Amino acid sequence: MSDVSEEFDAEVVWQRSEAVVVVNGELDLATSPRLAACIDEVADHHAGDVVVDLAGVSFLDSSALRVLVAAHLRLADGDRRLVVRQPSDATRSVLTVAGLLTTLAIETPGH
């Protein structure tokens, strides 16, 4: 069995005036708490919107959806947004089925 850390990585990258949580690998019950911690770190130390880059995510389950929705609600309370950037095809499919494409701010290449 492989180690979770080899299959998943999330790091905060500060780019100009925005903070981006760059995620790679699988987002599931085992890794979603790490995503939540990264989002919380950004939300606590950055006054603007929080961007989560999902271009490198190969799998996303309901626990990850819960983290994204909770972050969306938390940020909306402060007139901020959770922006999902470049969702992979697999991630976009799950967001579509969950009905979240219109709830979350989605950025795709060229937007």
N, C-alpha and C. Protein backbone atom coordinates (compact mmCIF):
# COMPACT_ATOMS: atom_id res chain seq x y z
N MET A 1 0.85 -1.17 0.00
CA MET A 1 0.00 0.00 0.00
C MET A 1 0.89 1.23 0.00
N SER A 2 0.52 2.20 -0.82
CA SER A 2 1.34 3.39 -0.90
C SER A 2 0.93 4.40 0.17
N ASP A 3 1.84 5.28 0.46
CA ASP A 3 1.64 6.30 1.47
C ASP A 3 0.75 7.42 0.92
N VAL A 4 -0.16 7.93 1.74
CA VAL A 4 -1.06 8.99 1.32
C VAL A 4 -0.28 10.20 0.81
N SER A 5 0.82 10.54 1.46
CA SER A 5 1.57 11.73 1.07
C SER A 5 2.14 11.63 -0.34
N GLU A 6 2.33 10.39 -0.85
CA GLU A 6 2.82 10.22 -2.21
C GLU A 6 1.69 10.45 -3.23
N GLU A 7 0.44 10.26 -2.82
CA GLU A 7 -0.70 10.37 -3.71
C GLU A 7 -1.36 11.74 -3.64
N PHE A 8 -1.01 12.55 -2.65
CA PHE A 8 -1.70 13.80 -2.42
C PHE A 8 -0.72 14.87 -1.97
N ASP A 9 -0.96 16.09 -2.48
CA ASP A 9 -0.17 17.22 -2.02
C ASP A 9 -1.04 18.47 -2.11
N ALA A 10 -0.97 19.30 -1.11
CA ALA A 10 -1.64 20.60 -1.13
C ALA A 10 -0.69 21.61 -0.52
N GLU A 11 -0.48 22.69 -1.23
CA GLU A 11 0.39 23.73 -0.70
C GLU A 11 -0.17 25.11 -1.04
N VAL A 12 0.13 26.04 -0.19
CA VAL A 12 -0.31 27.41 -0.39
C VAL A 12 0.79 28.15 -1.15
N VAL A 13 0.40 28.76 -2.26
CA VAL A 13 1.33 29.53 -3.08
C VAL A 13 0.83 30.97 -3.11
N TRP A 14 1.67 31.89 -2.70
CA TRP A 14 1.30 33.30 -2.68
C TRP A 14 1.73 33.90 -4.01
N GLN A 15 0.77 34.36 -4.80
CA GLN A 15 1.03 34.93 -6.12
C GLN A 15 0.49 36.35 -6.16
N ARG A 16 1.38 37.31 -6.26
CA ARG A 16 0.99 38.72 -6.26
C ARG A 16 0.03 39.00 -5.13
N SER A 17 -1.21 39.35 -5.46
CA SER A 17 -2.16 39.71 -4.40
C SER A 17 -3.11 38.58 -4.04
N GLU A 18 -2.88 37.38 -4.58
CA GLU A 18 -3.78 36.29 -4.25
C GLU A 18 -3.03 35.11 -3.65
N ALA A 19 -3.77 34.36 -2.86
CA ALA A 19 -3.23 33.14 -2.27
C ALA A 19 -3.93 31.96 -2.94
N VAL A 20 -3.14 31.01 -3.40
CA VAL A 20 -3.70 29.87 -4.12
C VAL A 20 -3.32 28.58 -3.39
N VAL A 21 -4.34 27.75 -3.12
CA VAL A 21 -4.09 26.41 -2.59
C VAL A 21 -4.01 25.50 -3.81
N VAL A 22 -2.81 25.01 -4.10
CA VAL A 22 -2.59 24.14 -5.25
C VAL A 22 -2.65 22.69 -4.76
N VAL A 23 -3.58 21.94 -5.37
CA VAL A 23 -3.84 20.57 -4.93
C VAL A 23 -3.49 19.61 -6.05
N ASN A 24 -2.82 18.50 -5.69
CA ASN A 24 -2.49 17.44 -6.63
C ASN A 24 -2.82 16.10 -6.01
N GLY A 25 -3.36 15.20 -6.82
CA GLY A 25 -3.64 13.84 -6.34
C GLY A 25 -5.10 13.61 -6.09
N GLU A 26 -5.38 12.77 -5.11
CA GLU A 26 -6.75 12.38 -4.80
C GLU A 26 -7.25 13.09 -3.55
N LEU A 27 -8.46 13.65 -3.65
CA LEU A 27 -9.11 14.29 -2.51
C LEU A 27 -10.20 13.36 -2.01
N ASP A 28 -9.94 12.75 -0.86
CA ASP A 28 -10.90 11.80 -0.30
C ASP A 28 -10.94 11.95 1.22
N LEU A 29 -11.56 11.01 1.89
CA LEU A 29 -11.71 11.07 3.34
C LEU A 29 -10.37 11.22 4.05
N ALA A 30 -9.34 10.59 3.52
CA ALA A 30 -8.02 10.65 4.17
C ALA A 30 -7.30 11.97 3.93
N THR A 31 -7.54 12.62 2.80
CA THR A 31 -6.78 13.82 2.44
C THR A 31 -7.57 15.13 2.59
N SER A 32 -8.87 15.04 2.66
CA SER A 32 -9.70 16.26 2.78
C SER A 32 -9.36 17.12 3.99
N PRO A 33 -9.01 16.53 5.14
CA PRO A 33 -8.62 17.38 6.27
C PRO A 33 -7.40 18.25 5.97
N ARG A 34 -6.48 17.76 5.16
CA ARG A 34 -5.31 18.56 4.79
C ARG A 34 -5.71 19.72 3.88
N LEU A 35 -6.67 19.47 2.99
CA LEU A 35 -7.19 20.56 2.16
C LEU A 35 -7.85 21.60 3.04
N ALA A 36 -8.68 21.16 3.97
CA ALA A 36 -9.37 22.09 4.88
C ALA A 36 -8.36 22.93 5.65
N ALA A 37 -7.28 22.32 6.12
CA ALA A 37 -6.26 23.05 6.88
C ALA A 37 -5.59 24.12 6.01
N CYS A 38 -5.31 23.79 4.75
CA CYS A 38 -4.69 24.77 3.85
C CYS A 38 -5.64 25.93 3.58
N ILE A 39 -6.91 25.62 3.33
CA ILE A 39 -7.89 26.68 3.08
C ILE A 39 -8.03 27.56 4.32
N ASP A 40 -8.09 26.93 5.50
CA ASP A 40 -8.20 27.70 6.75
C ASP A 40 -6.99 28.61 6.94
N GLU A 41 -5.80 28.11 6.62
CA GLU A 41 -4.58 28.91 6.76
C GLU A 41 -4.68 30.17 5.90
N VAL A 42 -5.11 29.99 4.67
CA VAL A 42 -5.23 31.14 3.77
C VAL A 42 -6.32 32.08 4.26
N ALA A 43 -7.47 31.54 4.61
CA ALA A 43 -8.60 32.37 5.06
C ALA A 43 -8.24 33.18 6.31
N ASP A 44 -7.42 32.60 7.17
CA ASP A 44 -7.04 33.27 8.41
C ASP A 44 -5.97 34.35 8.20
N HIS A 45 -5.17 34.24 7.13
CA HIS A 45 -4.05 35.15 6.93
C HIS A 45 -4.14 36.00 5.67
N HIS A 46 -5.25 35.93 4.98
CA HIS A 46 -5.41 36.66 3.72
C HIS A 46 -6.81 37.24 3.67
N ALA A 47 -6.92 38.53 3.42
CA ALA A 47 -8.21 39.20 3.48
C ALA A 47 -9.06 39.02 2.23
N GLY A 48 -8.48 38.53 1.15
CA GLY A 48 -9.22 38.42 -0.10
C GLY A 48 -9.87 37.06 -0.30
N ASP A 49 -10.24 36.82 -1.55
CA ASP A 49 -10.81 35.53 -1.92
C ASP A 49 -9.76 34.44 -1.76
N VAL A 50 -10.23 33.21 -1.61
CA VAL A 50 -9.34 32.05 -1.51
C VAL A 50 -9.49 31.25 -2.80
N VAL A 51 -8.38 31.00 -3.47
CA VAL A 51 -8.38 30.25 -4.72
C VAL A 51 -7.87 28.83 -4.44
N VAL A 52 -8.61 27.84 -4.94
CA VAL A 52 -8.19 26.44 -4.84
C VAL A 52 -8.01 25.93 -6.26
N ASP A 53 -6.76 25.60 -6.62
CA ASP A 53 -6.44 25.11 -7.96
C ASP A 53 -6.55 23.59 -7.96
N LEU A 54 -7.54 23.07 -8.71
CA LEU A 54 -7.79 21.63 -8.75
C LEU A 54 -7.34 20.99 -10.05
N ALA A 55 -6.49 21.65 -10.81
CA ALA A 55 -6.04 21.11 -12.10
C ALA A 55 -5.36 19.75 -11.95
N GLY A 56 -4.68 19.54 -10.84
CA GLY A 56 -3.94 18.30 -10.64
C GLY A 56 -4.68 17.25 -9.84
N VAL A 57 -5.99 17.42 -9.64
CA VAL A 57 -6.76 16.47 -8.84
C VAL A 57 -7.35 15.40 -9.75
N SER A 58 -7.06 14.15 -9.42
CA SER A 58 -7.52 13.03 -10.23
C SER A 58 -8.79 12.38 -9.69
N PHE A 59 -9.14 12.66 -8.43
CA PHE A 59 -10.31 12.06 -7.81
C PHE A 59 -10.79 12.99 -6.71
N LEU A 60 -12.11 13.11 -6.58
CA LEU A 60 -12.70 13.98 -5.56
C LEU A 60 -13.96 13.29 -5.06
N ASP A 61 -14.08 13.13 -3.72
CA ASP A 61 -15.27 12.47 -3.19
C ASP A 61 -16.11 13.44 -2.36
N SER A 62 -17.14 12.92 -1.72
CA SER A 62 -18.08 13.76 -0.98
C SER A 62 -17.43 14.47 0.20
N SER A 63 -16.39 13.90 0.79
CA SER A 63 -15.73 14.58 1.90
C SER A 63 -15.02 15.83 1.41
N ALA A 64 -14.48 15.79 0.22
CA ALA A 64 -13.84 16.97 -0.37
C ALA A 64 -14.89 18.01 -0.74
N LEU A 65 -16.04 17.56 -1.25
CA LEU A 65 -17.13 18.48 -1.55
C LEU A 65 -17.57 19.21 -0.29
N ARG A 66 -17.64 18.47 0.82
CA ARG A 66 -18.03 19.08 2.10
C ARG A 66 -17.04 20.17 2.50
N VAL A 67 -15.75 19.92 2.31
CA VAL A 67 -14.72 20.92 2.64
C VAL A 67 -14.90 22.16 1.77
N LEU A 68 -15.12 21.97 0.47
CA LEU A 68 -15.29 23.10 -0.43
C LEU A 68 -16.54 23.92 -0.10
N VAL A 69 -17.64 23.23 0.18
CA VAL A 69 -18.88 23.94 0.51
C VAL A 69 -18.75 24.68 1.84
N ALA A 70 -18.13 24.04 2.83
CA ALA A 70 -17.94 24.69 4.14
C ALA A 70 -17.07 25.93 3.98
N ALA A 71 -16.01 25.84 3.17
CA ALA A 71 -15.15 27.00 2.94
C ALA A 71 -15.91 28.09 2.20
N HIS A 72 -16.71 27.70 1.23
CA HIS A 72 -17.53 28.67 0.48
C HIS A 72 -18.45 29.43 1.44
N LEU A 73 -19.12 28.72 2.32
CA LEU A 73 -20.05 29.36 3.27
C LEU A 73 -19.31 30.26 4.25
N ARG A 74 -18.15 29.78 4.76
CA ARG A 74 -17.36 30.58 5.71
C ARG A 74 -16.91 31.88 5.08
N LEU A 75 -16.41 31.80 3.86
CA LEU A 75 -15.91 32.99 3.18
C LEU A 75 -17.05 33.93 2.80
N ALA A 76 -18.18 33.37 2.38
CA ALA A 76 -19.33 34.20 2.00
C ALA A 76 -19.82 35.03 3.17
N ASP A 77 -19.69 34.50 4.38
CA ASP A 77 -20.08 35.26 5.58
C ASP A 77 -19.27 36.55 5.72
N GLY A 78 -18.07 36.56 5.16
CA GLY A 78 -17.21 37.75 5.22
C GLY A 78 -17.13 38.47 3.88
N ASP A 79 -18.12 38.26 3.02
CA ASP A 79 -18.13 38.88 1.69
C ASP A 79 -16.89 38.53 0.86
N ARG A 80 -16.44 37.29 1.01
CA ARG A 80 -15.32 36.78 0.23
C ARG A 80 -15.79 35.56 -0.55
N ARG A 81 -14.97 35.11 -1.48
CA ARG A 81 -15.35 33.95 -2.29
C ARG A 81 -14.31 32.84 -2.20
N LEU A 82 -14.80 31.62 -2.36
CA LEU A 82 -13.94 30.48 -2.64
C LEU A 82 -13.97 30.33 -4.15
N VAL A 83 -12.81 30.42 -4.79
CA VAL A 83 -12.71 30.30 -6.24
C VAL A 83 -12.05 28.97 -6.55
N VAL A 84 -12.73 28.13 -7.32
CA VAL A 84 -12.17 26.86 -7.76
C VAL A 84 -11.58 27.09 -9.14
N ARG A 85 -10.26 26.96 -9.24
CA ARG A 85 -9.56 27.24 -10.48
C ARG A 85 -9.20 25.94 -11.20
N GLN A 86 -9.45 25.93 -12.49
CA GLN A 86 -9.04 24.86 -13.39
C GLN A 86 -9.38 23.46 -12.89
N PRO A 87 -10.65 23.21 -12.57
CA PRO A 87 -10.97 21.84 -12.14
C PRO A 87 -10.65 20.85 -13.26
N SER A 88 -10.02 19.75 -12.90
CA SER A 88 -9.73 18.70 -13.88
C SER A 88 -11.06 18.14 -14.39
N ASP A 89 -11.01 17.37 -15.46
CA ASP A 89 -12.23 16.78 -16.00
C ASP A 89 -12.94 15.93 -14.95
N ALA A 90 -12.17 15.13 -14.20
CA ALA A 90 -12.77 14.28 -13.17
C ALA A 90 -13.43 15.11 -12.09
N THR A 91 -12.77 16.19 -11.69
CA THR A 91 -13.30 17.07 -10.65
C THR A 91 -14.53 17.81 -11.15
N ARG A 92 -14.48 18.30 -12.37
CA ARG A 92 -15.62 19.01 -12.94
C ARG A 92 -16.84 18.10 -13.01
N SER A 93 -16.65 16.84 -13.34
CA SER A 93 -17.77 15.89 -13.40
C SER A 93 -18.45 15.74 -12.05
N VAL A 94 -17.66 15.63 -10.99
CA VAL A 94 -18.22 15.49 -9.64
C VAL A 94 -18.93 16.77 -9.23
N LEU A 95 -18.32 17.91 -9.50
CA LEU A 95 -18.95 19.19 -9.18
C LEU A 95 -20.28 19.37 -9.93
N THR A 96 -20.32 18.89 -11.16
CA THR A 96 -21.55 18.96 -11.96
C THR A 96 -22.64 18.09 -11.36
N VAL A 97 -22.32 16.85 -11.06
CA VAL A 97 -23.30 15.92 -10.48
C VAL A 97 -23.80 16.44 -9.14
N ALA A 98 -22.92 17.06 -8.36
CA ALA A 98 -23.30 17.60 -7.06
C ALA A 98 -24.06 18.92 -7.17
N GLY A 99 -24.15 19.47 -8.36
CA GLY A 99 -24.87 20.73 -8.55
C GLY A 99 -24.12 21.94 -8.04
N LEU A 100 -22.80 21.86 -7.98
CA LEU A 100 -22.00 22.95 -7.39
C LEU A 100 -21.37 23.90 -8.41
N LEU A 101 -21.53 23.63 -9.69
CA LEU A 101 -20.92 24.51 -10.69
C LEU A 101 -21.51 25.91 -10.65
N THR A 102 -22.75 26.04 -10.22
CA THR A 102 -23.36 27.36 -10.14
C THR A 102 -23.24 27.96 -8.74
N THR A 103 -22.90 27.14 -7.75
CA THR A 103 -22.76 27.61 -6.38
C THR A 103 -21.36 28.17 -6.14
N LEU A 104 -20.36 27.44 -6.58
CA LEU A 104 -18.97 27.86 -6.39
C LEU A 104 -18.53 28.73 -7.56
N ALA A 105 -17.59 29.61 -7.30
CA ALA A 105 -16.99 30.40 -8.38
C ALA A 105 -15.96 29.52 -9.07
N ILE A 106 -16.21 29.20 -10.34
CA ILE A 106 -15.33 28.31 -11.09
C ILE A 106 -14.56 29.14 -12.12
N GLU A 107 -13.24 28.99 -12.13
CA GLU A 107 -12.38 29.63 -13.13
C GLU A 107 -11.77 28.55 -13.99
N THR A 108 -11.93 28.69 -15.29
CA THR A 108 -11.30 27.76 -16.23
C THR A 108 -10.31 28.55 -17.07
N PRO A 109 -9.40 27.87 -17.74
CA PRO A 109 -8.42 28.60 -18.56
C PRO A 109 -9.11 29.55 -19.52
N GLY A 110 -8.57 30.75 -19.61
CA GLY A 110 -9.13 31.76 -20.49
C GLY A 110 -10.13 32.69 -19.81
N HIS A 111 -10.43 32.45 -18.53
CA HIS A 111 -11.38 33.31 -17.80
C HIS A 111 -10.65 34.13 -16.75
